[in-house]
């Protein structure tokens, strides 16, 4: 019975991820195009997407590669962009921490913005879900998106400059993050962190190698933590 129920939650996760197809596809195509223009061959592009599987970090690293940035800067920037995944992991641990080690290891690989945002909302609104059901739902959220991402990056690499500029594939990135971040701004700490990140990122735009993003990310995390602590002290946040 548990197996059947878990299977139904898997397909719910896949169904809920459907809107992200319209973002992951163009996003992947764009990465493939830019990676090919940067001189990466098909094997390198596919390996990049398979091993990193983090669109924003891939774009950050690729842009720095195109600018001939030092390797240390590239690694630090990609790591900083992906630091949010560590917070995602900590947030998911109370819900998925009881799963077998191999499942948690696989879940770590598939923990990205879309799988986290869908899963955390579902887990919070469906507290009666069992660990197998939660894990099934989590994997379901990547069942369509992950293969699409791999395929789209290869298609983009092969098509290259044949994709017309009028498709505006680069617009997929801000749309994706707006769609995911908007519903998650549920507390004053979230809102404060978002506002600080925007302001600092704009002010630090002139820092070389996109290091302004590191500064903005650090400032946002510190702001969110301080606002949350302040509200807890005042008894306004539990």
Protein backbone atom coordinates (compact mmCIF):
# COMPACT_ATOMS: atom_id res chain seq x y z
CA UNK A 1 0.00 0.00 0.00
CA UNK A 2 2.82 2.38 0.92
CA UNK A 3 4.53 1.66 -2.39
CA UNK A 4 1.38 2.51 -4.37
CA UNK A 5 0.80 5.68 -2.36
CA UNK A 6 4.42 6.75 -2.83
CA UNK A 7 4.05 6.18 -6.57
CA UNK A 8 1.01 8.46 -6.68
CA UNK A 9 2.99 11.18 -4.88
CA UNK A 10 5.80 10.75 -7.41
CA UNK A 11 3.41 11.53 -10.24
CA UNK A 12 1.97 14.47 -8.29
CA UNK A 13 5.46 15.88 -8.09
CA UNK A 14 5.95 15.39 -11.82
CA UNK A 15 2.59 17.04 -12.53
CA UNK A 16 3.36 20.02 -10.29
CA UNK A 17 6.68 20.54 -12.09
CA UNK A 18 5.03 20.89 -15.51
CA UNK A 19 5.04 24.73 -15.55
CA UNK A 20 8.81 24.70 -15.11
CA UNK A 21 9.17 22.93 -18.45
CA UNK A 22 8.57 26.28 -20.14
CA UNK A 23 11.55 27.68 -18.26
CA UNK A 24 13.97 24.74 -18.12
CA UNK A 25 13.75 24.16 -21.88
CA UNK A 26 14.73 27.67 -23.02
CA UNK A 27 17.16 27.95 -20.11
CA UNK A 28 18.93 24.77 -21.19
CA UNK A 29 18.97 25.82 -24.84
CA UNK A 30 20.56 29.12 -23.89
CA UNK A 31 23.27 27.42 -21.84
CA UNK A 32 24.05 25.05 -24.69
CA UNK A 33 24.33 27.92 -27.17
CA UNK A 34 26.57 30.01 -24.94
CA UNK A 35 28.72 27.03 -23.96
CA UNK A 36 29.30 26.16 -27.62
CA UNK A 37 30.16 29.79 -28.39
CA UNK A 38 32.65 29.69 -25.52
CA UNK A 39 34.47 26.81 -27.23
CA UNK A 40 33.20 23.83 -25.23
CA UNK A 41 32.55 20.67 -27.25
CA UNK A 42 29.48 18.45 -26.89
CA UNK A 43 31.14 16.07 -24.43
CA UNK A 44 32.25 18.93 -22.21
CA UNK A 45 28.82 20.57 -22.32
CA UNK A 46 26.99 17.35 -21.48
CA UNK A 47 29.44 16.54 -18.68
CA UNK A 48 29.07 20.08 -17.35
CA UNK A 49 25.29 19.76 -17.14
CA UNK A 50 25.34 16.22 -15.75
CA UNK A 51 27.88 16.83 -13.01
CA UNK A 52 26.91 20.32 -11.90
CA UNK A 53 23.15 20.25 -12.62
CA UNK A 54 22.70 23.81 -11.36
CA UNK A 55 21.72 26.26 -14.05
CA UNK A 56 22.61 29.50 -12.31
CA UNK A 57 26.02 28.20 -11.17
CA UNK A 58 26.69 26.88 -14.67
CA UNK A 59 25.93 30.27 -16.20
CA UNK A 60 28.08 32.05 -13.62
CA UNK A 61 31.03 29.74 -14.28
CA UNK A 62 30.56 29.93 -18.05
CA UNK A 63 30.50 33.71 -18.09
CA UNK A 64 33.72 33.85 -16.09
CA UNK A 65 35.29 31.27 -18.40
CA UNK A 66 34.44 33.51 -21.35
CA UNK A 67 36.14 36.41 -19.52
CA UNK A 68 39.28 34.31 -18.85
CA UNK A 69 38.86 34.79 -15.11
CA UNK A 70 41.26 32.98 -12.75
CA UNK A 71 40.23 29.43 -11.92
CA UNK A 72 39.95 30.26 -8.22
CA UNK A 73 37.50 33.09 -8.97
CA UNK A 74 35.41 30.79 -11.17
CA UNK A 75 35.21 28.10 -8.50
CA UNK A 76 34.47 30.61 -5.73
CA UNK A 77 31.72 32.30 -7.75
CA UNK A 78 30.04 29.04 -8.72
CA UNK A 79 30.22 27.86 -5.10
CA UNK A 80 28.78 31.12 -3.81
CA UNK A 81 25.88 30.99 -6.26
CA UNK A 82 25.17 27.45 -5.08
CA UNK A 83 25.44 28.20 -1.35
CA UNK A 84 21.68 28.59 -1.28
CA UNK A 85 21.45 24.84 -1.94
CA UNK A 86 23.04 24.23 1.46
CA UNK A 87 20.20 26.23 3.00
CA UNK A 88 17.71 24.25 0.92
CA UNK A 89 19.23 21.04 2.27
CA UNK A 90 18.98 22.22 5.87
CA UNK A 91 15.36 23.19 5.31
CA UNK A 92 14.49 19.79 3.80
CA UNK A 93 16.31 17.72 6.43
CA UNK A 94 13.40 17.62 8.92
CA UNK A 95 11.20 16.16 6.18
CA UNK A 96 13.62 13.85 4.36
CA UNK A 97 16.25 13.12 7.00
CA UNK A 98 14.69 9.75 7.89
CA UNK A 99 15.12 8.34 4.36
CA UNK A 100 17.83 5.77 3.51
CA UNK A 101 21.31 7.16 2.87
CA UNK A 102 21.29 6.34 -0.85
CA UNK A 103 18.01 8.21 -1.31
CA UNK A 104 19.33 11.24 0.56
CA UNK A 105 22.50 11.20 -1.53
CA UNK A 106 20.45 11.10 -4.73
CA UNK A 107 18.16 13.81 -3.40
CA UNK A 108 21.21 16.01 -2.74
CA UNK A 109 22.07 15.83 -6.43
CA UNK A 110 18.54 16.81 -7.48
CA UNK A 111 18.17 19.62 -4.94
CA UNK A 112 17.74 22.68 -7.12
CA UNK A 113 15.48 25.72 -7.00
CA UNK A 114 12.48 24.11 -8.63
CA UNK A 115 12.57 20.82 -6.70
CA UNK A 116 13.07 22.65 -3.41
CA UNK A 117 10.41 25.30 -3.92
CA UNK A 118 7.76 22.76 -4.93
CA UNK A 119 8.69 20.25 -2.23
CA UNK A 120 8.94 22.57 0.75
CA UNK A 121 5.55 24.09 0.03
CA UNK A 122 4.00 20.63 -0.34
CA UNK A 123 5.64 19.28 2.82
CA UNK A 124 4.50 22.27 4.86
CA UNK A 125 0.91 22.08 3.61
CA UNK A 126 0.69 18.25 3.85
CA UNK A 127 2.16 17.44 7.29
CA UNK A 128 0.62 13.93 7.27
CA UNK A 129 2.89 12.76 4.44
CA UNK A 130 5.25 9.90 5.34
CA UNK A 131 8.98 10.01 4.57
CA UNK A 132 8.61 7.62 1.57
CA UNK A 133 5.79 9.79 0.22
CA UNK A 134 7.82 12.96 0.65
CA UNK A 135 10.84 11.42 -1.04
CA UNK A 136 8.68 10.14 -3.90
CA UNK A 137 7.19 13.60 -4.39
CA UNK A 138 10.65 15.19 -4.29
CA UNK A 139 12.00 12.88 -6.98
CA UNK A 140 8.86 13.43 -9.02
CA UNK A 141 9.58 17.15 -9.22
CA UNK A 142 12.79 16.35 -11.15
CA UNK A 143 11.49 13.43 -13.22
CA UNK A 144 10.64 15.67 -16.18
CA UNK A 145 12.90 18.65 -15.58
CA UNK A 146 16.25 16.85 -15.30
CA UNK A 147 16.04 14.93 -18.62
CA UNK A 148 14.72 18.08 -20.30
CA UNK A 149 17.67 20.09 -18.99
CA UNK A 150 20.23 17.58 -20.24
CA UNK A 151 18.56 17.34 -23.64
CA UNK A 152 18.03 21.07 -24.06
CA UNK A 153 21.68 21.86 -23.36
CA UNK A 154 22.77 19.40 -26.05
CA UNK A 155 20.21 20.71 -28.53
CA UNK A 156 21.36 24.26 -27.84
CA UNK A 157 24.99 23.25 -28.35
CA UNK A 158 24.19 21.56 -31.67
CA UNK A 159 21.91 24.31 -32.98
CA UNK A 160 24.18 27.11 -31.77
CA UNK A 161 23.76 30.30 -33.74
CA UNK A 162 20.82 28.82 -35.69
CA UNK A 163 18.52 29.80 -32.80
CA UNK A 164 17.20 33.28 -33.67
CA UNK A 165 17.75 36.17 -31.26
CA UNK A 166 14.01 36.87 -31.42
CA UNK A 167 13.40 33.82 -29.21
CA UNK A 168 14.94 35.81 -26.33
CA UNK A 169 16.06 32.67 -24.50
CA UNK A 170 18.01 34.75 -21.97
CA UNK A 171 14.67 35.98 -20.61
CA UNK A 172 14.05 32.52 -19.15
CA UNK A 173 16.51 33.07 -16.31
CA UNK A 174 14.87 36.05 -14.56
CA UNK A 175 11.40 34.62 -15.21
CA UNK A 176 12.39 31.33 -13.56
CA UNK A 177 13.73 32.93 -10.42
CA UNK A 178 10.83 35.37 -10.11
CA UNK A 179 8.38 32.47 -10.37
CA UNK A 180 10.19 30.51 -7.65
CA UNK A 181 11.14 33.31 -5.29
CA UNK A 182 7.83 35.21 -5.28
CA UNK A 183 5.71 32.59 -3.46
CA UNK A 184 8.54 31.95 -0.95
CA UNK A 185 8.65 35.52 0.39
CA UNK A 186 6.39 34.65 3.29
CA UNK A 187 8.07 36.36 6.25
CA UNK A 188 9.64 39.78 6.97
CA UNK A 189 13.06 38.06 7.11
CA UNK A 190 12.58 36.71 3.57
CA UNK A 191 11.48 40.09 2.25
CA UNK A 192 14.32 41.96 3.98
CA UNK A 193 16.90 39.53 2.60
CA UNK A 194 15.47 39.89 -0.93
CA UNK A 195 15.47 43.69 -0.80
CA UNK A 196 19.02 43.89 0.55
CA UNK A 197 20.28 41.47 -2.10
CA UNK A 198 18.75 43.61 -4.85
CA UNK A 199 20.15 46.88 -3.54
CA UNK A 200 23.65 45.53 -2.84
CA UNK A 201 23.81 43.69 -6.19
CA UNK A 202 23.01 46.94 -8.01
CA UNK A 203 25.53 48.96 -6.00
CA UNK A 204 28.23 46.31 -6.46
CA UNK A 205 27.67 45.77 -10.17
CA UNK A 206 31.04 47.33 -11.02
CA UNK A 207 33.09 44.79 -9.04
CA UNK A 208 35.08 42.59 -11.47
CA UNK A 209 34.20 38.97 -12.24
CA UNK A 210 30.65 39.35 -10.87
CA UNK A 211 32.02 39.26 -7.33
CA UNK A 212 29.27 41.71 -6.45
CA UNK A 213 26.95 38.70 -6.36
CA UNK A 214 29.02 37.22 -3.54
CA UNK A 215 28.79 40.46 -1.59
CA UNK A 216 25.03 40.71 -2.21
CA UNK A 217 24.45 37.09 -1.20
CA UNK A 218 26.40 37.47 2.03
CA UNK A 219 24.63 40.72 2.88
CA UNK A 220 21.23 39.17 2.20
CA UNK A 221 21.88 36.12 4.37
CA UNK A 222 23.12 38.25 7.27
CA UNK A 223 20.14 40.56 6.94
CA UNK A 224 17.62 37.72 6.90
CA UNK A 225 19.23 36.09 9.92
CA UNK A 226 19.30 39.33 11.90
CA UNK A 227 15.67 40.18 11.09
CA UNK A 228 14.58 36.68 12.11
CA UNK A 229 16.50 36.93 15.41
CA UNK A 230 15.04 40.35 16.09
CA UNK A 231 11.50 39.14 15.49
CA UNK A 232 12.07 36.09 17.68
CA UNK A 233 13.25 38.28 20.54
CA UNK A 234 10.10 40.32 20.21
CA UNK A 235 7.96 37.21 20.07
CA UNK A 236 6.70 37.99 16.57
CA UNK A 237 8.32 35.02 14.81
CA UNK A 238 8.30 31.36 15.85
